Protein backbone atom coordinates (compact mmCIF):
# COMPACT_ATOMS: atom_id res chain seq x y z
CA UNK A 1 -208.34 63.89 -109.73
CA UNK A 2 -204.59 64.24 -109.20
CA UNK A 3 -204.65 61.62 -106.45
CA UNK A 4 -206.63 59.13 -108.56
CA UNK A 5 -204.30 59.70 -111.53
CA UNK A 6 -201.28 59.09 -109.30
CA UNK A 7 -202.84 55.89 -107.94
CA UNK A 8 -203.50 54.66 -111.46
CA UNK A 9 -199.90 55.31 -112.55
CA UNK A 10 -198.58 53.72 -109.36
CA UNK A 11 -200.62 50.57 -110.00
CA UNK A 12 -199.43 50.29 -113.60
CA UNK A 13 -195.83 50.77 -112.54
CA UNK A 14 -196.16 47.93 -110.06
CA UNK A 15 -196.80 45.38 -112.81
CA UNK A 16 -193.44 46.33 -114.35
CA UNK A 17 -191.33 47.04 -111.26
CA UNK A 18 -192.35 43.95 -109.26
CA UNK A 19 -191.09 41.37 -111.84
CA UNK A 20 -187.95 43.47 -112.36
CA UNK A 21 -187.28 43.56 -108.63
CA UNK A 22 -187.82 39.80 -108.44
CA UNK A 23 -185.34 38.91 -111.20
CA UNK A 24 -182.75 41.54 -110.20
CA UNK A 25 -182.61 40.16 -106.66
CA UNK A 26 -182.83 36.54 -107.86
CA UNK A 27 -179.79 36.86 -110.14
CA UNK A 28 -177.80 39.30 -107.99
CA UNK A 29 -174.53 37.83 -106.64
CA UNK A 30 -175.59 37.75 -102.98
CA UNK A 31 -173.80 35.45 -100.58
CA UNK A 32 -176.95 33.73 -99.36
CA UNK A 33 -178.20 30.18 -98.97
CA UNK A 34 -180.26 29.16 -102.05
CA UNK A 35 -183.60 29.17 -100.16
CA UNK A 36 -182.83 32.54 -98.56
CA UNK A 37 -181.83 33.99 -101.94
CA UNK A 38 -185.09 32.88 -103.57
CA UNK A 39 -187.05 34.18 -100.59
CA UNK A 40 -185.31 37.57 -100.88
CA UNK A 41 -186.50 37.80 -104.50
CA UNK A 42 -190.06 36.94 -103.48
CA UNK A 43 -190.05 39.52 -100.68
CA UNK A 44 -188.69 42.21 -103.03
CA UNK A 45 -191.57 41.62 -105.46
CA UNK A 46 -194.16 41.47 -102.66
CA UNK A 47 -192.96 44.77 -101.16
CA UNK A 48 -193.27 46.48 -104.57
CA UNK A 49 -196.77 45.07 -105.05
CA UNK A 50 -197.79 46.20 -101.55
CA UNK A 51 -196.52 49.73 -102.16
CA UNK A 52 -197.96 50.05 -105.68
CA UNK A 53 -201.24 48.24 -104.83
CA UNK A 54 -201.67 46.99 -108.39
CA UNK A 55 -203.49 43.95 -107.00
CA UNK A 56 -205.38 43.80 -103.69
CA UNK A 57 -203.05 43.54 -100.68
CA UNK A 58 -204.42 40.15 -99.52
CA UNK A 59 -203.89 38.75 -103.02
CA UNK A 60 -200.29 39.95 -102.92
CA UNK A 61 -199.80 38.13 -99.60
CA UNK A 62 -201.14 34.92 -101.18
CA UNK A 63 -198.92 35.41 -104.24
CA UNK A 64 -195.90 35.65 -101.95
CA UNK A 65 -196.81 32.44 -100.13
CA UNK A 66 -197.52 30.64 -103.40
CA UNK A 67 -194.17 31.67 -104.91
CA UNK A 68 -192.39 30.37 -101.80
CA UNK A 69 -193.94 26.94 -102.43
CA UNK A 70 -193.28 26.97 -106.19
CA UNK A 71 -189.65 28.08 -105.73
CA UNK A 72 -189.20 25.51 -102.92
CA UNK A 73 -188.21 28.05 -100.30
CA UNK A 74 -189.95 25.68 -97.86
CA UNK A 75 -192.53 22.87 -97.99
CA UNK A 76 -196.17 23.91 -98.42
CA UNK A 77 -197.02 22.81 -94.89
CA UNK A 78 -194.41 25.19 -93.47
CA UNK A 79 -195.33 28.07 -95.79
CA UNK A 80 -199.06 27.92 -95.14
CA UNK A 81 -198.70 27.03 -91.44
CA UNK A 82 -198.96 30.67 -90.26
CA UNK A 83 -202.42 30.91 -91.86
CA UNK A 84 -203.56 28.58 -89.06
CA UNK A 85 -201.78 30.46 -86.26
CA UNK A 86 -203.96 31.04 -83.14
CA UNK A 87 -203.82 34.78 -83.80
CA UNK A 88 -205.75 34.19 -87.01
CA UNK A 89 -208.60 32.96 -84.83
CA UNK A 90 -208.23 36.00 -82.59
CA UNK A 91 -208.88 38.05 -85.71
CA UNK A 92 -211.86 35.93 -86.74
CA UNK A 93 -213.51 35.91 -83.32
CA UNK A 94 -213.03 39.62 -82.63
CA UNK A 95 -214.17 40.54 -86.15
CA UNK A 96 -217.41 38.56 -85.70
CA UNK A 97 -218.03 40.27 -82.34
CA UNK A 98 -217.40 43.64 -83.97
CA UNK A 99 -219.78 42.72 -86.79
CA UNK A 100 -222.51 41.95 -84.24
CA UNK A 101 -221.97 45.29 -82.49
CA UNK A 102 -222.31 47.05 -85.84
CA UNK A 103 -225.29 44.91 -86.94
CA UNK A 104 -227.27 45.66 -83.79
CA UNK A 105 -226.44 49.39 -83.81
CA UNK A 106 -224.64 49.16 -80.49
CA UNK A 107 -221.91 51.41 -81.86
CA UNK A 108 -224.37 54.22 -82.64
CA UNK A 109 -226.14 53.65 -79.32
CA UNK A 110 -222.85 54.13 -77.51
CA UNK A 111 -221.87 57.16 -79.60
CA UNK A 112 -225.12 59.08 -79.22
CA UNK A 113 -225.36 58.03 -75.57
CA UNK A 114 -222.09 59.82 -74.83
CA UNK A 115 -222.76 62.82 -77.06
CA UNK A 116 -226.15 63.41 -75.42
CA UNK A 117 -224.65 63.80 -71.93
CA UNK A 118 -225.93 67.07 -70.47
CA UNK A 119 -222.40 68.33 -69.69
CA UNK A 120 -221.61 68.33 -73.41
CA UNK A 121 -224.74 70.13 -74.57
CA UNK A 122 -224.26 72.27 -77.66
CA UNK A 123 -220.74 73.44 -76.73
CA UNK A 124 -218.44 73.05 -79.78
CA UNK A 125 -215.27 72.29 -77.81
CA UNK A 126 -216.99 69.70 -75.65
CA UNK A 127 -218.62 68.14 -78.70
CA UNK A 128 -215.18 67.87 -80.33
CA UNK A 129 -213.71 66.31 -77.16
CA UNK A 130 -216.54 63.80 -76.65
CA UNK A 131 -216.70 63.01 -80.37
CA UNK A 132 -213.01 62.09 -80.31
CA UNK A 133 -213.31 60.09 -77.08
CA UNK A 134 -216.17 58.02 -78.49
CA UNK A 135 -214.20 57.41 -81.68
CA UNK A 136 -211.03 56.38 -79.84
CA UNK A 137 -212.78 54.08 -77.35
CA UNK A 138 -214.87 52.41 -80.07
CA UNK A 139 -211.78 51.96 -82.24
CA UNK A 140 -209.99 50.15 -79.40
CA UNK A 141 -212.50 47.30 -79.80
CA UNK A 142 -213.82 47.65 -83.34
CA UNK A 143 -212.12 48.01 -86.70
CA UNK A 144 -210.62 51.49 -87.19
CA UNK A 145 -212.28 51.67 -90.60
CA UNK A 146 -215.73 50.64 -89.32
CA UNK A 147 -215.46 53.11 -86.44
CA UNK A 148 -214.48 55.93 -88.78
CA UNK A 149 -217.33 55.11 -91.16
CA UNK A 150 -219.83 55.24 -88.28
CA UNK A 151 -218.48 58.45 -86.74
CA UNK A 152 -218.09 60.01 -90.17
CA UNK A 153 -221.85 59.85 -90.70
CA UNK A 154 -222.48 61.35 -87.25
CA UNK A 155 -219.87 64.06 -87.84
CA UNK A 156 -221.37 65.00 -91.20
CA UNK A 157 -224.78 65.36 -89.51
CA UNK A 158 -223.30 67.71 -86.92
CA UNK A 159 -221.55 69.80 -89.59
CA UNK A 160 -224.74 70.01 -91.67
CA UNK A 161 -226.69 71.15 -88.59
CA UNK A 162 -224.08 73.80 -87.76
CA UNK A 163 -224.32 75.21 -91.28
CA UNK A 164 -228.11 75.33 -91.10
CA UNK A 165 -227.95 77.07 -87.72
CA UNK A 166 -225.48 79.59 -89.11
CA UNK A 167 -227.97 80.54 -91.82
CA UNK A 168 -230.90 80.77 -89.39
CA UNK A 169 -229.28 82.49 -86.40
CA UNK A 170 -226.24 84.17 -87.89
CA UNK A 171 -224.03 82.46 -85.25
CA UNK A 172 -220.78 81.70 -87.07
CA UNK A 173 -218.43 78.87 -86.19
CA UNK A 174 -214.79 78.89 -87.22
CA UNK A 175 -214.76 77.45 -90.78
CA UNK A 176 -211.84 75.24 -89.73
CA UNK A 177 -214.08 73.51 -87.17
CA UNK A 178 -215.52 71.26 -89.89
CA UNK A 179 -211.98 70.31 -90.95
CA UNK A 180 -210.85 69.32 -87.46
CA UNK A 181 -214.11 67.49 -86.70
CA UNK A 182 -213.63 65.36 -89.81
CA UNK A 183 -209.95 64.78 -89.08
CA UNK A 184 -210.82 63.90 -85.48
CA UNK A 185 -212.93 61.08 -86.94
CA UNK A 186 -209.88 59.51 -88.56
CA UNK A 187 -207.05 60.51 -86.25
CA UNK A 188 -208.83 59.54 -83.02
CA UNK A 189 -209.71 56.14 -84.53
CA UNK A 190 -206.03 55.56 -85.32
CA UNK A 191 -204.96 56.61 -81.81
CA UNK A 192 -207.65 54.50 -80.13
CA UNK A 193 -206.56 51.48 -82.16
CA UNK A 194 -203.22 51.47 -80.33
CA UNK A 195 -204.94 50.81 -77.01
CA UNK A 196 -205.73 47.09 -77.28
CA UNK A 197 -204.18 44.12 -79.10
CA UNK A 198 -207.26 43.85 -81.33
CA UNK A 199 -207.59 47.60 -81.95
CA UNK A 200 -205.74 47.50 -85.26
CA UNK A 201 -204.18 44.68 -87.36
CA UNK A 202 -200.53 45.78 -86.85
CA UNK A 203 -200.95 45.10 -83.11
CA UNK A 204 -201.88 41.47 -83.73
CA UNK A 205 -199.14 41.14 -86.35
CA UNK A 206 -196.56 42.46 -83.89
CA UNK A 207 -197.80 40.08 -81.20
CA UNK A 208 -197.53 37.20 -83.66
CA UNK A 209 -193.93 37.94 -84.62
CA UNK A 210 -192.88 38.49 -81.00
CA UNK A 211 -194.57 35.28 -79.91
CA UNK A 212 -193.17 33.17 -82.76
CA UNK A 213 -189.69 34.70 -83.15
CA UNK A 214 -188.91 35.99 -79.65
CA UNK A 215 -191.04 33.59 -77.57
CA UNK A 216 -192.51 36.60 -75.78
CA UNK A 217 -196.19 36.27 -74.90
CA UNK A 218 -197.98 39.54 -74.09
CA UNK A 219 -201.44 39.21 -72.56
CA UNK A 220 -204.35 41.48 -73.39
CA UNK A 221 -204.11 43.23 -70.03
CA UNK A 222 -200.31 43.64 -70.25
CA UNK A 223 -200.68 45.28 -73.65
CA UNK A 224 -203.19 47.79 -72.31
CA UNK A 225 -200.96 48.65 -69.33
CA UNK A 226 -198.35 50.27 -71.60
CA UNK A 227 -200.42 51.09 -74.71
CA UNK A 228 -203.40 52.82 -73.05
CA UNK A 229 -201.26 55.61 -71.49
CA UNK A 230 -199.64 56.22 -74.90
CA UNK A 231 -203.10 56.47 -76.51
CA UNK A 232 -204.38 58.82 -73.79
CA UNK A 233 -201.39 61.19 -74.07
CA UNK A 234 -201.68 61.21 -77.87
CA UNK A 235 -205.41 61.87 -77.73
CA UNK A 236 -205.05 64.79 -75.31
CA UNK A 237 -202.42 66.32 -77.60
CA UNK A 238 -204.73 65.80 -80.59
CA UNK A 239 -207.65 67.52 -78.85
CA UNK A 240 -205.72 70.57 -77.70
CA UNK A 241 -203.91 70.79 -81.04
CA UNK A 242 -207.25 70.85 -82.85
CA UNK A 243 -208.64 73.41 -80.39
CA UNK A 244 -205.67 75.61 -81.24
CA UNK A 245 -206.26 75.15 -84.99
CA UNK A 246 -210.01 75.89 -84.78
CA UNK A 247 -210.75 78.16 -81.81
CA UNK A 248 -214.48 78.82 -81.37
CA UNK A 249 -215.69 82.05 -79.81
CA UNK A 250 -219.19 80.59 -79.47
CA UNK A 251 -219.73 78.84 -76.13
CA UNK A 252 -222.95 77.06 -77.07
CA UNK A 253 -224.88 76.40 -80.28
CA UNK A 254 -228.66 76.49 -79.79
CA UNK A 255 -230.39 73.27 -80.81
CA UNK A 256 -227.27 71.12 -81.24
CA UNK A 257 -227.97 69.11 -78.08
CA UNK A 258 -231.56 68.57 -79.22
CA UNK A 259 -230.59 67.04 -82.56
CA UNK A 260 -228.20 64.60 -80.84
CA UNK A 261 -230.93 63.71 -78.36
CA UNK A 262 -233.41 63.06 -81.19
CA UNK A 263 -230.93 60.81 -82.97
CA UNK A 264 -230.46 58.84 -79.76
CA UNK A 265 -234.21 58.48 -79.29
CA UNK A 266 -234.58 57.13 -82.84
CA UNK A 267 -232.46 54.14 -81.81
CA UNK A 268 -235.12 53.17 -79.25
CA UNK A 269 -234.67 50.99 -76.18
CA UNK A 270 -232.50 47.94 -75.70
CA UNK A 271 -233.35 44.99 -77.93
CA UNK A 272 -232.73 41.32 -77.16
CA UNK A 273 -230.09 41.19 -79.86
CA UNK A 274 -228.23 44.11 -78.32
CA UNK A 275 -228.34 42.55 -74.85
CA UNK A 276 -227.08 39.24 -76.22
CA UNK A 277 -224.23 40.98 -78.04
CA UNK A 278 -223.23 42.82 -74.86
CA UNK A 279 -223.19 39.49 -72.97
CA UNK A 280 -221.04 37.79 -75.64
CA UNK A 281 -218.65 40.71 -75.83
CA UNK A 282 -218.54 40.97 -72.02
CA UNK A 283 -217.57 37.30 -71.66
CA UNK A 284 -214.71 37.70 -74.13
CA UNK A 285 -213.42 41.00 -72.75
CA UNK A 286 -213.79 39.65 -69.22
CA UNK A 287 -211.55 36.67 -69.97
CA UNK A 288 -209.00 38.89 -71.74
CA UNK A 289 -208.74 41.31 -68.85
CA UNK A 290 -209.10 38.79 -65.99
CA UNK A 291 -206.12 36.82 -67.26
CA UNK A 292 -203.90 39.88 -67.02
CA UNK A 293 -205.25 40.89 -63.62
CA UNK A 294 -204.46 37.42 -62.25
CA UNK A 295 -200.91 37.71 -63.63
CA UNK A 296 -200.51 41.12 -61.99
CA UNK A 297 -201.65 39.73 -58.61
CA UNK A 298 -200.03 36.28 -58.43
CA UNK A 299 -197.36 36.53 -61.15
CA UNK A 300 -196.83 34.96 -64.60
CA UNK A 301 -195.36 31.80 -63.09
CA UNK A 302 -198.42 31.07 -60.94
CA UNK A 303 -200.18 27.75 -61.71
CA UNK A 304 -203.51 29.63 -61.73
CA UNK A 305 -202.33 32.02 -64.44
CA UNK A 306 -200.57 29.39 -66.56
CA UNK A 307 -203.63 27.15 -66.38
CA UNK A 308 -205.96 29.94 -67.45
CA UNK A 309 -203.64 31.00 -70.30
CA UNK A 310 -203.48 27.40 -71.50
CA UNK A 311 -207.26 26.95 -71.46
CA UNK A 312 -208.32 30.44 -72.51
CA UNK A 313 -205.71 32.25 -74.61
CA UNK A 314 -206.93 35.41 -76.35
CA UNK A 315 -207.89 33.49 -79.49
CA UNK A 316 -210.03 30.97 -77.58
CA UNK A 317 -211.79 33.76 -75.68
CA UNK A 318 -212.58 35.57 -78.95
CA UNK A 319 -213.97 32.40 -80.53
CA UNK A 320 -216.04 31.68 -77.40
CA UNK A 321 -217.63 35.14 -77.55
CA UNK A 322 -218.30 34.78 -81.27
CA UNK A 323 -219.92 31.37 -80.81
CA UNK A 324 -222.19 32.71 -78.06
CA UNK A 325 -223.70 35.05 -80.66
CA UNK A 326 -225.06 32.00 -82.50
CA UNK A 327 -226.62 30.63 -79.30
CA UNK A 328 -228.02 33.72 -77.54
CA UNK A 329 -231.41 35.08 -78.72
CA UNK A 330 -231.82 37.76 -81.35
CA UNK A 331 -234.57 40.32 -81.87
CA UNK A 332 -237.14 37.99 -83.45
CA UNK A 333 -238.62 34.81 -82.01
CA UNK A 334 -236.44 31.86 -82.86
CA UNK A 335 -233.70 34.11 -84.23
CA UNK A 336 -230.18 34.22 -82.80
CA UNK A 337 -228.06 37.30 -82.13
CA UNK A 338 -225.95 36.54 -85.20
CA UNK A 339 -226.71 34.81 -88.51
CA UNK A 340 -223.95 33.14 -90.45
CA UNK A 341 -224.88 35.19 -93.52
CA UNK A 342 -224.00 38.28 -91.45
CA UNK A 343 -220.89 36.80 -89.85
CA UNK A 344 -219.23 36.05 -93.20
CA UNK A 345 -219.17 39.79 -93.96
CA UNK A 346 -216.09 40.25 -91.76
CA UNK A 347 -212.86 41.48 -93.39
CA UNK A 348 -211.35 38.21 -94.60
CA UNK A 349 -208.80 40.21 -96.61
CA UNK A 350 -207.04 41.40 -93.46
CA UNK A 351 -206.89 37.81 -92.21
CA UNK A 352 -205.27 36.61 -95.45
CA UNK A 353 -202.91 39.58 -95.45
CA UNK A 354 -201.84 38.75 -91.91
CA UNK A 355 -201.28 35.08 -92.78
CA UNK A 356 -199.24 35.84 -95.90
CA UNK A 357 -197.12 38.52 -94.29
CA UNK A 358 -196.59 36.40 -91.20
CA UNK A 359 -195.47 33.48 -93.40
CA UNK A 360 -192.84 35.59 -95.17
CA UNK A 361 -191.57 36.97 -91.87
CA UNK A 362 -191.22 33.54 -90.28
CA UNK A 363 -189.57 32.09 -93.40
CA UNK A 364 -187.02 34.91 -93.41
CA UNK A 365 -185.82 33.65 -90.01
CA UNK A 366 -186.06 29.96 -90.84
CA UNK A 367 -183.95 30.36 -94.00
CA UNK A 368 -181.35 32.64 -92.36
CA UNK A 369 -182.27 35.59 -94.60
CA UNK A 370 -183.25 37.77 -91.62
CA UNK A 371 -179.92 37.13 -89.90
CA UNK A 372 -177.95 37.97 -93.05
CA UNK A 373 -179.98 41.12 -93.62
CA UNK A 374 -179.56 42.16 -90.00
CA UNK A 375 -175.77 41.85 -90.22
CA UNK A 376 -175.72 43.83 -93.47
CA UNK A 377 -177.92 46.58 -92.07
CA UNK A 378 -175.89 47.02 -88.88
CA UNK A 379 -172.68 47.24 -90.90
CA UNK A 380 -174.15 50.12 -92.90
CA UNK A 381 -175.88 51.89 -89.99
CA UNK A 382 -174.14 50.91 -86.75
CA UNK A 383 -176.56 51.08 -83.82
CA UNK A 384 -174.87 50.71 -80.48
CA UNK A 385 -177.91 50.95 -78.23
CA UNK A 386 -181.46 49.69 -77.92
CA UNK A 387 -182.68 53.29 -77.73
CA UNK A 388 -181.14 54.11 -81.09
CA UNK A 389 -182.77 51.09 -82.69
CA UNK A 390 -186.09 51.97 -81.04
CA UNK A 391 -185.98 55.45 -82.58
CA UNK A 392 -185.13 54.04 -86.00
CA UNK A 393 -187.81 51.35 -85.78
CA UNK A 394 -190.61 53.79 -84.89
CA UNK A 395 -189.77 56.42 -87.50
CA UNK A 396 -189.18 53.86 -90.28
CA UNK A 397 -192.53 52.19 -89.49
CA UNK A 398 -194.30 55.57 -89.52
CA UNK A 399 -192.67 56.55 -92.82
CA UNK A 400 -193.58 53.28 -94.54
CA UNK A 401 -197.13 53.41 -93.17
CA UNK A 402 -197.58 56.69 -95.03
CA UNK A 403 -196.92 55.02 -98.36
CA UNK A 404 -198.66 51.67 -97.93
CA UNK A 405 -201.24 50.03 -95.69
CA UNK A 406 -200.52 49.80 -91.98
CA UNK A 407 -200.89 46.03 -92.15
CA UNK A 408 -198.36 45.72 -94.97
CA UNK A 409 -196.06 48.15 -93.15
CA UNK A 410 -196.11 45.99 -90.01
CA UNK A 411 -195.40 42.83 -92.03
CA UNK A 412 -192.43 44.53 -93.70
CA UNK A 413 -190.83 46.37 -90.78
CA UNK A 414 -191.27 44.23 -87.63
CA UNK A 415 -189.32 41.11 -88.75
CA UNK A 416 -186.55 43.34 -90.13
CA UNK A 417 -186.22 45.21 -86.82
CA UNK A 418 -186.09 41.92 -84.90
CA UNK A 419 -183.35 40.65 -87.23
CA UNK A 420 -181.33 43.87 -86.95
CA UNK A 421 -181.59 43.84 -83.15
CA UNK A 422 -180.47 40.22 -82.90
CA UNK A 423 -177.53 40.83 -85.26
CA UNK A 424 -176.53 43.85 -83.19
CA UNK A 425 -176.74 41.93 -79.91
CA UNK A 426 -179.61 44.13 -78.72
CA UNK A 427 -182.80 42.94 -77.02
CA UNK A 428 -185.32 43.12 -79.90
CA UNK A 429 -188.47 43.26 -77.72
CA UNK A 430 -188.80 47.05 -77.23
CA UNK A 431 -187.74 47.98 -80.82
CA UNK A 432 -190.25 45.42 -82.14
CA UNK A 433 -192.97 47.00 -80.00
CA UNK A 434 -191.94 50.41 -81.35
CA UNK A 435 -192.25 49.19 -84.93
CA UNK A 436 -195.64 47.65 -84.12
CA UNK A 437 -197.08 50.86 -82.69
CA UNK A 438 -195.39 53.06 -85.29
CA UNK A 439 -196.88 51.02 -88.13
CA UNK A 440 -200.37 51.99 -86.92
CA UNK A 441 -199.69 55.69 -87.42
CA UNK A 442 -200.00 57.42 -90.77
CA UNK A 443 -201.87 60.70 -90.59
CA UNK A 444 -200.62 62.65 -93.60
CA UNK A 445 -202.20 61.26 -96.77
CA UNK A 446 -205.58 59.89 -97.89
CA UNK A 447 -203.79 56.71 -99.02
CA UNK A 448 -202.11 56.17 -95.64
CA UNK A 449 -205.15 54.49 -94.05
CA UNK A 450 -208.74 53.73 -95.09
CA UNK A 451 -209.77 56.06 -92.23
CA UNK A 452 -208.01 58.99 -93.88
CA UNK A 453 -209.54 58.11 -97.25
CA UNK A 454 -213.06 58.10 -95.76
CA UNK A 455 -212.82 61.56 -94.18
CA UNK A 456 -210.96 63.02 -97.16
CA UNK A 457 -213.98 62.07 -99.26
CA UNK A 458 -216.16 64.42 -97.18
CA UNK A 459 -214.99 67.40 -99.23
CA UNK A 460 -214.26 69.37 -96.05
CA UNK A 461 -210.54 68.60 -95.91
CA UNK A 462 -208.06 70.19 -98.35
CA UNK A 463 -205.18 67.83 -99.05
CA UNK A 464 -202.53 70.31 -97.89
CA UNK A 465 -204.29 70.72 -94.53
CA UNK A 466 -204.39 66.96 -94.02
CA UNK A 467 -200.67 66.84 -94.78
CA UNK A 468 -199.78 69.81 -92.55
CA UNK A 469 -201.83 68.61 -89.61
CA UNK A 470 -200.90 64.98 -90.19
CA UNK A 471 -197.13 65.41 -90.20
CA UNK A 472 -197.32 67.03 -86.77
CA UNK A 473 -199.30 64.02 -85.48
CA UNK A 474 -196.81 61.61 -87.07
CA UNK A 475 -193.86 63.29 -85.37
CA UNK A 476 -195.56 63.74 -82.00
CA UNK A 477 -196.95 60.20 -82.15
CA UNK A 478 -193.50 58.77 -82.83
CA UNK A 479 -191.98 60.79 -79.96
CA UNK A 480 -194.70 59.73 -77.51
CA UNK A 481 -194.25 56.07 -78.48
CA UNK A 482 -190.47 56.31 -78.06
CA UNK A 483 -190.75 57.99 -74.64
CA UNK A 484 -193.48 55.59 -73.49
CA UNK A 485 -191.52 52.48 -74.52
CA UNK A 486 -188.29 53.89 -73.07
CA UNK A 487 -190.06 54.18 -69.72
CA UNK A 488 -191.38 50.62 -70.13
CA UNK A 489 -187.86 49.42 -70.93
CA UNK A 490 -186.51 51.05 -67.78
CA UNK A 491 -189.25 49.42 -65.66
CA UNK A 492 -188.81 45.88 -66.98
């Protein structure tokens, strides 16, 4: 009740604070070019609306773009250009593939397939470990929110079974086990999302800004080379941290393995739709990974690599896989693996949010606002090294992601960090990567991510426990990202 009341007050405040922020910045005596000054006012209002969430986040992104056209910050073609960026089509293609995986129950097939491995059995610690691994791996390829929703249902089934077994056999499990199993559902999804460029929207947003503003093109494989180790280290910490918080004296729970096996058997054998989806996904993932492997073997300057990147960038590979779903057979005669009525259920809001935020970020550079802000920021907080800026970028991104959506956080922080780095004469690449990965964190509050909100609704997680456990993950996550990117910086 307290949280919902706070959200209501926050939303109401946004309708008052956003216009105030707009006019205060608009009429403030800043030494800016007229277009940059008007853009600064628009961004101030958009940031308030994103934080207060008085209107849906995608709508706020569209409001920001619309105001830029109305106030003549730039022509409409330039403002709305980022909505047609190739990365938008990477979103669309990967979202349709993810929708097919969900539609054909491939996610549950994968989850129960792993959980039913004999080595896991009914051992609580191994269940927790495998449960988290499944969540993290699935989240690297699917939406964090969709993965959490799927694993949440499986986790609730396991918790319900454990409670029934406790009544029947008297075997007691640490009461905190239910808490950490639910939190594992959300936290592992967040950690797994770091692993691939499509794992979470901030990754694609960061790639977009680095490609457009820094002319740095990171392939799918190159991303995984540095991000996967960070995810693995974070996940191992998460598992052992949760084992420490909920130690179980029981080695094995009778019947737990059987219930998982039964759930797997209910899914039946492989259908034509599932096989077609695996083929479509395999083609896309194969192109993504093969491109990076070729670069690692023959180098980025090789004609083979440059030719493949030109013909099959990540966006084209995603669209190819998505289109195959409408060609390959589905479960019924004459049916295809994907119907358009199913494909349109993807999260178009994230796509619009990306386009709007990307537009504001690009305009801030085109108008000179980013450069002016960067100079002002470095005069207030002098940063003499790339490492110092990396630390600031990660922790600022984490802090903002706790108060607003990860996608909005990435749109706000990444262009600012790039501007500050350029004004300071520092290479912005590593700090921008730090802001990108940091924006995906946010473990403390139900409002931080939809994943947290889903598991908080289970009733098994007291708010103070989520905050206590989450702040540790925020800090450790930030430190691991900083160390990982510092090593990457030393290598390149």
